[in-house]
Amino acid sequence: MMSFQDRYSEYKQRKEARDFFNKNNNEKVCSKDYVIAFGVGTGVSIVLGFIMEWVTFKIGFNFSYFTILVGVLQATAIKKVLRKSGVQLAIISVVTYLLGVIVAQTLYVAISLPYFSIGLFFEVFKTYFKFMIVGDFLDTIIYLLGAAAAYMALKD
């Protein structure tokens, strides 16, 4: 049976070890980090996805390296802002990449229409979401390559 002094010293060692780990481990992801990663990832994906859509419509064909580049740049932005990486953030990166690309496509089409409403925006969003899943097989593979690039760039 341990005495009170032994238990207290063991407790103190565990507390010091936990504090040292929390202080020196930059890979620990807090809940606010998820929110920041979601915001940064979605924002960067929307901006880069919008640029990708603009370039795609200007040159007339989909260049698959653009989607990979968007995924890598989006994951790099999350990594730079949080100074962290890992599997949890990589999964957030994939989700925000897909969401951002769909929103960017929707915005690009919605801006080019003569009439705009929130209902129309959601209908176009649903259409692009369905198209990403069950549309052209090559486009689905291209978006999966971009998502894989986002995952691999942040996984480390």
C-alpha atoms as a PDB file:
ATOM      1  CA  MET A   1       0.000   0.000   0.000  1.00  0.00           C
ATOM      2  CA  MET A   2       1.336   3.375  -1.048  1.00  0.00           C
ATOM      3  CA  SER A   3       1.651   6.143   1.444  1.00  0.00           C
ATOM      4  CA  PHE A   4       0.169   9.546   0.887  1.00  0.00           C
ATOM      5  CA  GLN A   5       3.602  11.021   0.107  1.00  0.00           C
ATOM      6  CA  ASP A   6       4.279   8.347  -2.565  1.00  0.00           C
ATOM      7  CA  ARG A   7       0.912   8.898  -4.205  1.00  0.00           C
ATOM      8  CA  TYR A   8       1.406  12.649  -4.139  1.00  0.00           C
ATOM      9  CA  SER A   9       4.853  12.421  -5.730  1.00  0.00           C
ATOM     10  CA  GLU A  10       3.485  10.043  -8.404  1.00  0.00           C
ATOM     11  CA  TYR A  11       0.610  12.446  -9.072  1.00  0.00           C
ATOM     12  CA  LYS A  12       3.055  15.353  -9.295  1.00  0.00           C
ATOM     13  CA  GLN A  13       5.258  13.454 -11.791  1.00  0.00           C
ATOM     14  CA  ARG A  14       2.266  12.593 -13.959  1.00  0.00           C
ATOM     15  CA  LYS A  15       1.096  16.214 -13.895  1.00  0.00           C
ATOM     16  CA  GLU A  16       4.568  17.480 -14.836  1.00  0.00           C
ATOM     17  CA  ALA A  17       4.801  14.934 -17.659  1.00  0.00           C
ATOM     18  CA  ARG A  18       1.350  15.906 -18.971  1.00  0.00           C
ATOM     19  CA  ASP A  19       2.175  19.617 -18.776  1.00  0.00           C
ATOM     20  CA  PHE A  20       5.492  19.037 -20.549  1.00  0.00           C
ATOM     21  CA  PHE A  21       3.750  17.019 -23.267  1.00  0.00           C
ATOM     22  CA  ASN A  22       1.058  19.649 -23.775  1.00  0.00           C
ATOM     23  CA  LYS A  23       3.598  22.463 -23.818  1.00  0.00           C
ATOM     24  CA  ASN A  24       6.072  20.830 -26.218  1.00  0.00           C
ATOM     25  CA  ASN A  25       3.736  18.884 -28.466  1.00  0.00           C
ATOM     26  CA  ASN A  26       2.685  21.066 -31.361  1.00  0.00           C
ATOM     27  CA  GLU A  27       0.714  18.196 -32.893  1.00  0.00           C
ATOM     28  CA  LYS A  28      -2.047  18.223 -30.268  1.00  0.00           C
ATOM     29  CA  VAL A  29      -5.229  19.329 -32.008  1.00  0.00           C
ATOM     30  CA  CYS A  30      -7.784  21.242 -29.946  1.00  0.00           C
ATOM     31  CA  SER A  31     -11.401  21.904 -30.838  1.00  0.00           C
ATOM     32  CA  LYS A  32     -10.626  25.480 -31.896  1.00  0.00           C
ATOM     33  CA  ASP A  33      -8.019  24.079 -34.295  1.00  0.00           C
ATOM     34  CA  TYR A  34     -10.750  22.096 -36.050  1.00  0.00           C
ATOM     35  CA  VAL A  35     -12.849  25.244 -36.444  1.00  0.00           C
ATOM     36  CA  ILE A  36      -9.865  27.213 -37.761  1.00  0.00           C
ATOM     37  CA  ALA A  37      -8.915  24.367 -40.113  1.00  0.00           C
ATOM     38  CA  PHE A  38     -12.494  24.169 -41.403  1.00  0.00           C
ATOM     39  CA  GLY A  39     -12.664  27.913 -42.019  1.00  0.00           C
ATOM     40  CA  VAL A  40      -9.237  28.227 -43.618  1.00  0.00           C
ATOM     41  CA  GLY A  41      -9.635  25.067 -45.677  1.00  0.00           C
ATOM     42  CA  THR A  42     -13.067  25.981 -46.976  1.00  0.00           C
ATOM     43  CA  GLY A  43     -12.084  29.571 -47.716  1.00  0.00           C
ATOM     44  CA  VAL A  44      -8.899  28.663 -49.556  1.00  0.00           C
ATOM     45  CA  SER A  45     -10.675  25.899 -51.477  1.00  0.00           C
ATOM     46  CA  ILE A  46     -13.437  28.277 -52.551  1.00  0.00           C
ATOM     47  CA  VAL A  47     -10.988  30.915 -53.774  1.00  0.00           C
ATOM     48  CA  LEU A  48      -8.686  28.447 -55.528  1.00  0.00           C
ATOM     49  CA  GLY A  49     -11.633  26.439 -56.852  1.00  0.00           C
ATOM     50  CA  PHE A  50     -13.162  29.608 -58.277  1.00  0.00           C
ATOM     51  CA  ILE A  51      -9.866  30.419 -60.008  1.00  0.00           C
ATOM     52  CA  MET A  52      -9.697  26.820 -61.240  1.00  0.00           C
ATOM     53  CA  GLU A  53     -13.218  27.075 -62.681  1.00  0.00           C
ATOM     54  CA  TRP A  54     -12.423  30.380 -64.356  1.00  0.00           C
ATOM     55  CA  VAL A  55      -9.275  28.960 -65.979  1.00  0.00           C
ATOM     56  CA  THR A  56     -11.103  25.769 -66.972  1.00  0.00           C
ATOM     57  CA  PHE A  57     -13.867  27.722 -68.705  1.00  0.00           C
ATOM     58  CA  LYS A  58     -11.358  30.016 -70.399  1.00  0.00           C
ATOM     59  CA  ILE A  59      -9.189  27.220 -71.855  1.00  0.00           C
ATOM     60  CA  GLY A  60     -12.155  24.974 -72.581  1.00  0.00           C
ATOM     61  CA  PHE A  61     -11.109  21.718 -70.882  1.00  0.00           C
ATOM     62  CA  ASN A  62     -10.515  20.416 -67.381  1.00  0.00           C
ATOM     63  CA  PHE A  63      -6.844  20.117 -66.573  1.00  0.00           C
ATOM     64  CA  SER A  64      -6.602  17.584 -63.743  1.00  0.00           C
ATOM     65  CA  TYR A  65      -3.408  19.025 -62.310  1.00  0.00           C
ATOM     66  CA  PHE A  66      -5.398  22.080 -61.232  1.00  0.00           C
ATOM     67  CA  THR A  67      -7.467  19.994 -58.828  1.00  0.00           C
ATOM     68  CA  ILE A  68      -4.360  18.377 -57.362  1.00  0.00           C
ATOM     69  CA  LEU A  69      -2.761  21.800 -57.004  1.00  0.00           C
ATOM     70  CA  VAL A  70      -5.855  23.149 -55.252  1.00  0.00           C
ATOM     71  CA  GLY A  71      -5.762  20.218 -52.810  1.00  0.00           C
ATOM     72  CA  VAL A  72      -2.065  20.665 -52.020  1.00  0.00           C
ATOM     73  CA  LEU A  73      -2.292  24.449 -51.642  1.00  0.00           C
ATOM     74  CA  GLN A  74      -5.360  24.181 -49.438  1.00  0.00           C
ATOM     75  CA  ALA A  75      -3.662  21.642 -47.142  1.00  0.00           C
ATOM     76  CA  THR A  76      -0.518  23.770 -47.065  1.00  0.00           C
ATOM     77  CA  ALA A  77      -2.571  26.792 -46.008  1.00  0.00           C
ATOM     78  CA  ILE A  78      -4.087  24.831 -43.116  1.00  0.00           C
ATOM     79  CA  LYS A  79      -0.633  23.617 -42.104  1.00  0.00           C
ATOM     80  CA  LYS A  80       0.828  27.146 -42.222  1.00  0.00           C
ATOM     81  CA  VAL A  81      -1.999  28.690 -40.198  1.00  0.00           C
ATOM     82  CA  LEU A  82      -2.128  26.014 -37.495  1.00  0.00           C
ATOM     83  CA  ARG A  83       1.525  24.907 -37.619  1.00  0.00           C
ATOM     84  CA  LYS A  84       0.207  21.393 -37.121  1.00  0.00           C
ATOM     85  CA  SER A  85      -0.443  18.317 -39.182  1.00  0.00           C
ATOM     86  CA  GLY A  86      -1.885  14.874 -38.653  1.00  0.00           C
ATOM     87  CA  VAL A  87      -4.584  12.466 -39.682  1.00  0.00           C
ATOM     88  CA  GLN A  88      -7.454  14.415 -38.066  1.00  0.00           C
ATOM     89  CA  LEU A  89      -6.492  17.624 -39.854  1.00  0.00           C
ATOM     90  CA  ALA A  90      -5.963  15.689 -43.089  1.00  0.00           C
ATOM     91  CA  ILE A  91      -9.551  14.430 -42.909  1.00  0.00           C
ATOM     92  CA  ILE A  92     -10.781  17.991 -42.300  1.00  0.00           C
ATOM     93  CA  SER A  93      -8.693  19.027 -45.296  1.00  0.00           C
ATOM     94  CA  VAL A  94     -10.398  16.473 -47.544  1.00  0.00           C
ATOM     95  CA  VAL A  95     -13.882  17.519 -46.410  1.00  0.00           C
ATOM     96  CA  THR A  96     -13.163  21.234 -46.835  1.00  0.00           C
ATOM     97  CA  TYR A  97     -11.519  20.602 -50.213  1.00  0.00           C
ATOM     98  CA  LEU A  98     -14.612  18.856 -51.565  1.00  0.00           C
ATOM     99  CA  LEU A  99     -16.970  21.411 -50.033  1.00  0.00           C
ATOM    100  CA  GLY A 100     -14.896  24.338 -51.280  1.00  0.00           C
ATOM    101  CA  VAL A 101     -14.646  23.027 -54.833  1.00  0.00           C
ATOM    102  CA  ILE A 102     -18.404  22.441 -55.048  1.00  0.00           C
ATOM    103  CA  VAL A 103     -19.161  25.890 -53.609  1.00  0.00           C
ATOM    104  CA  ALA A 104     -16.670  27.474 -56.036  1.00  0.00           C
ATOM    105  CA  GLN A 105     -18.312  25.777 -59.007  1.00  0.00           C
ATOM    106  CA  THR A 106     -21.731  26.834 -57.755  1.00  0.00           C
ATOM    107  CA  LEU A 107     -20.625  30.437 -57.267  1.00  0.00           C
ATOM    108  CA  TYR A 108     -19.054  30.574 -60.707  1.00  0.00           C
ATOM    109  CA  VAL A 109     -22.232  29.365 -62.384  1.00  0.00           C
ATOM    110  CA  ALA A 110     -24.513  31.452 -60.158  1.00  0.00           C
ATOM    111  CA  ILE A 111     -22.599  34.645 -60.909  1.00  0.00           C
ATOM    112  CA  SER A 112     -22.828  34.038 -64.644  1.00  0.00           C
ATOM    113  CA  LEU A 113     -26.620  33.622 -64.552  1.00  0.00           C
ATOM    114  CA  PRO A 114     -28.784  36.693 -65.200  1.00  0.00           C
ATOM    115  CA  TYR A 115     -31.017  35.886 -62.223  1.00  0.00           C
ATOM    116  CA  PHE A 116     -29.715  34.976 -58.765  1.00  0.00           C
ATOM    117  CA  SER A 117     -31.486  33.780 -55.643  1.00  0.00           C
ATOM    118  CA  ILE A 118     -30.598  31.670 -52.639  1.00  0.00           C
ATOM    119  CA  GLY A 119     -32.958  28.923 -53.791  1.00  0.00           C
ATOM    120  CA  LEU A 120     -31.241  28.830 -57.164  1.00  0.00           C
ATOM    121  CA  PHE A 121     -27.853  28.719 -55.439  1.00  0.00           C
ATOM    122  CA  PHE A 122     -28.872  25.633 -53.444  1.00  0.00           C
ATOM    123  CA  GLU A 123     -30.312  23.924 -56.520  1.00  0.00           C
ATOM    124  CA  VAL A 124     -27.085  24.490 -58.442  1.00  0.00           C
ATOM    125  CA  PHE A 125     -25.117  23.292 -55.390  1.00  0.00           C
ATOM    126  CA  LYS A 126     -27.159  20.068 -55.244  1.00  0.00           C
ATOM    127  CA  THR A 127     -26.650  19.559 -58.968  1.00  0.00           C
ATOM    128  CA  TYR A 128     -22.876  19.947 -58.728  1.00  0.00           C
ATOM    129  CA  PHE A 129     -22.780  17.689 -55.654  1.00  0.00           C
ATOM    130  CA  LYS A 130     -24.691  14.957 -57.523  1.00  0.00           C
ATOM    131  CA  PHE A 131     -22.490  15.479 -60.571  1.00  0.00           C
ATOM    132  CA  MET A 132     -19.364  15.014 -58.459  1.00  0.00           C
ATOM    133  CA  ILE A 133     -20.637  11.664 -57.159  1.00  0.00           C
ATOM    134  CA  VAL A 134     -22.527  10.124 -60.075  1.00  0.00           C
ATOM    135  CA  GLY A 135     -21.484  12.302 -62.994  1.00  0.00           C
ATOM    136  CA  ASP A 136     -18.626  11.738 -65.367  1.00  0.00           C
ATOM    137  CA  PHE A 137     -16.325   9.003 -64.022  1.00  0.00           C
ATOM    138  CA  LEU A 138     -13.181  10.852 -65.090  1.00  0.00           C
ATOM    139  CA  ASP A 139     -14.251  13.997 -63.216  1.00  0.00           C
ATOM    140  CA  THR A 140     -14.934  11.916 -60.106  1.00  0.00           C
ATOM    141  CA  ILE A 141     -11.437  10.417 -60.330  1.00  0.00           C
ATOM    142  CA  ILE A 142      -9.920  13.888 -60.797  1.00  0.00           C
ATOM    143  CA  TYR A 143     -11.676  15.224 -57.685  1.00  0.00           C
ATOM    144  CA  LEU A 144     -10.629  12.148 -55.723  1.00  0.00           C
ATOM    145  CA  LEU A 145      -7.031  12.791 -56.784  1.00  0.00           C
ATOM    146  CA  GLY A 146      -7.331  16.354 -55.469  1.00  0.00           C
ATOM    147  CA  ALA A 147      -8.795  15.067 -52.195  1.00  0.00           C
ATOM    148  CA  ALA A 148      -6.007  12.493 -51.914  1.00  0.00           C
ATOM    149  CA  ALA A 149      -3.438  15.221 -52.534  1.00  0.00           C
ATOM    150  CA  ALA A 150      -5.001  17.335 -49.772  1.00  0.00           C
ATOM    151  CA  TYR A 151      -4.910  14.347 -47.421  1.00  0.00           C
ATOM    152  CA  MET A 152      -1.321  13.403 -48.193  1.00  0.00           C
ATOM    153  CA  ALA A 153      -0.063  16.983 -47.952  1.00  0.00           C
ATOM    154  CA  LEU A 154      -1.380  17.350 -44.400  1.00  0.00           C
ATOM    155  CA  LYS A 155      -1.009  13.822 -43.062  1.00  0.00           C
ATOM    156  CA  ASP A 156       2.792  13.800 -42.566  1.00  0.00           C
END
